[in-house]
Amino acid sequence: MPGIIPLTIPYSAYEPIQRLIATHRGTIEREEFAATVTLEIIAPDANVAALTGALRTITAGQVQIAAV
């Protein structure tokens, strides 16, 4: 069963995060572009913890990950 990860990121992190998501076998299911970028990512459950940790690292803690 895939895990859903809703998150908000700054525009500057969008491209690196796209590559990171693909590395962790995830897909972007929804994108919203406003003052920041809001994404809804789906990833295999086995990869969710590693992906969320990598998201925090690559954004230097700027990512906001919402609870599902």
C-alpha atoms as a PDB file:
ATOM      1  CA  MET A   1       0.000   0.000   0.000  1.00  0.00           C
ATOM      2  CA  PRO A   2       1.466   3.381  -0.931  1.00  0.00           C
ATOM      3  CA  GLY A   3       1.991   6.199   1.552  1.00  0.00           C
ATOM      4  CA  ILE A   4       0.671   9.700   0.852  1.00  0.00           C
ATOM      5  CA  ILE A   5       2.938  12.591   1.780  1.00  0.00           C
ATOM      6  CA  PRO A   6       1.441  16.115   1.567  1.00  0.00           C
ATOM      7  CA  LEU A   7       4.102  18.812   1.784  1.00  0.00           C
ATOM      8  CA  THR A   8       4.881  22.460   1.183  1.00  0.00           C
ATOM      9  CA  ILE A   9       8.240  23.631  -0.152  1.00  0.00           C
ATOM     10  CA  PRO A  10       9.885  26.815  -1.390  1.00  0.00           C
ATOM     11  CA  TYR A  11      10.136  27.213  -5.168  1.00  0.00           C
ATOM     12  CA  SER A  12      13.921  26.861  -5.002  1.00  0.00           C
ATOM     13  CA  ALA A  13      13.549  23.280  -3.759  1.00  0.00           C
ATOM     14  CA  TYR A  14      11.073  22.134  -6.422  1.00  0.00           C
ATOM     15  CA  GLU A  15      13.480  20.686  -9.009  1.00  0.00           C
ATOM     16  CA  PRO A  16      15.795  18.906  -6.541  1.00  0.00           C
ATOM     17  CA  ILE A  17      12.747  17.434  -4.807  1.00  0.00           C
ATOM     18  CA  GLN A  18      11.368  16.118  -8.106  1.00  0.00           C
ATOM     19  CA  ARG A  19      14.584  14.129  -8.578  1.00  0.00           C
ATOM     20  CA  LEU A  20      14.535  12.947  -4.958  1.00  0.00           C
ATOM     21  CA  ILE A  21      10.968  11.702  -5.269  1.00  0.00           C
ATOM     22  CA  ALA A  22      11.869   9.677  -8.358  1.00  0.00           C
ATOM     23  CA  THR A  23      14.907   8.204  -6.575  1.00  0.00           C
ATOM     24  CA  HIS A  24      12.603   6.915  -3.817  1.00  0.00           C
ATOM     25  CA  ARG A  25      10.137   5.480  -6.379  1.00  0.00           C
ATOM     26  CA  GLY A  26       7.518   8.104  -5.580  1.00  0.00           C
ATOM     27  CA  THR A  27       5.227  10.112  -7.823  1.00  0.00           C
ATOM     28  CA  ILE A  28       3.747  13.580  -7.568  1.00  0.00           C
ATOM     29  CA  GLU A  29      -0.032  13.222  -7.607  1.00  0.00           C
ATOM     30  CA  ARG A  30      -0.951  16.882  -7.103  1.00  0.00           C
ATOM     31  CA  GLU A  31       0.865  20.203  -7.434  1.00  0.00           C
ATOM     32  CA  GLU A  32      -0.296  23.665  -6.407  1.00  0.00           C
ATOM     33  CA  PHE A  33       1.777  26.741  -7.126  1.00  0.00           C
ATOM     34  CA  ALA A  34       1.112  29.821  -4.983  1.00  0.00           C
ATOM     35  CA  ALA A  35       3.467  31.693  -2.623  1.00  0.00           C
ATOM     36  CA  THR A  36       5.024  28.260  -2.035  1.00  0.00           C
ATOM     37  CA  VAL A  37       4.667  24.907  -3.802  1.00  0.00           C
ATOM     38  CA  THR A  38       2.287  22.354  -2.300  1.00  0.00           C
ATOM     39  CA  LEU A  39       2.732  18.753  -3.405  1.00  0.00           C
ATOM     40  CA  GLU A  40       0.990  15.508  -2.699  1.00  0.00           C
ATOM     41  CA  ILE A  41       3.434  12.644  -3.142  1.00  0.00           C
ATOM     42  CA  ILE A  42       2.667   8.948  -3.233  1.00  0.00           C
ATOM     43  CA  ALA A  43       5.503   6.552  -2.413  1.00  0.00           C
ATOM     44  CA  PRO A  44       5.769   2.888  -1.437  1.00  0.00           C
ATOM     45  CA  ASP A  45       5.276   2.492   2.327  1.00  0.00           C
ATOM     46  CA  ALA A  46       8.748   0.975   2.600  1.00  0.00           C
ATOM     47  CA  ASN A  47      10.249   4.222   1.226  1.00  0.00           C
ATOM     48  CA  VAL A  48       8.193   6.838   3.105  1.00  0.00           C
ATOM     49  CA  ALA A  49      10.502   7.217   6.130  1.00  0.00           C
ATOM     50  CA  ALA A  50      13.637   7.489   3.989  1.00  0.00           C
ATOM     51  CA  LEU A  51      11.932   9.915   1.595  1.00  0.00           C
ATOM     52  CA  THR A  52      10.663  12.231   4.337  1.00  0.00           C
ATOM     53  CA  GLY A  53      14.105  12.249   5.954  1.00  0.00           C
ATOM     54  CA  ALA A  54      15.733  13.054   2.624  1.00  0.00           C
ATOM     55  CA  LEU A  55      13.178  15.830   2.001  1.00  0.00           C
ATOM     56  CA  ARG A  56      14.109  17.454   5.311  1.00  0.00           C
ATOM     57  CA  THR A  57      17.814  17.140   4.515  1.00  0.00           C
ATOM     58  CA  ILE A  58      17.664  18.497   0.956  1.00  0.00           C
ATOM     59  CA  THR A  59      15.582  21.524   2.046  1.00  0.00           C
ATOM     60  CA  ALA A  60      17.626  22.173   5.210  1.00  0.00           C
ATOM     61  CA  GLY A  61      14.437  21.749   7.219  1.00  0.00           C
ATOM     62  CA  GLN A  62      12.354  24.166   5.111  1.00  0.00           C
ATOM     63  CA  VAL A  63       9.895  21.494   3.984  1.00  0.00           C
ATOM     64  CA  GLN A  64       6.570  21.397   5.813  1.00  0.00           C
ATOM     65  CA  ILE A  65       5.204  17.848   5.855  1.00  0.00           C
ATOM     66  CA  ALA A  66       1.535  17.616   6.815  1.00  0.00           C
ATOM     67  CA  ALA A  67       0.149  14.743   8.832  1.00  0.00           C
ATOM     68  CA  VAL A  68      -2.087  12.380   6.875  1.00  0.00           C
END
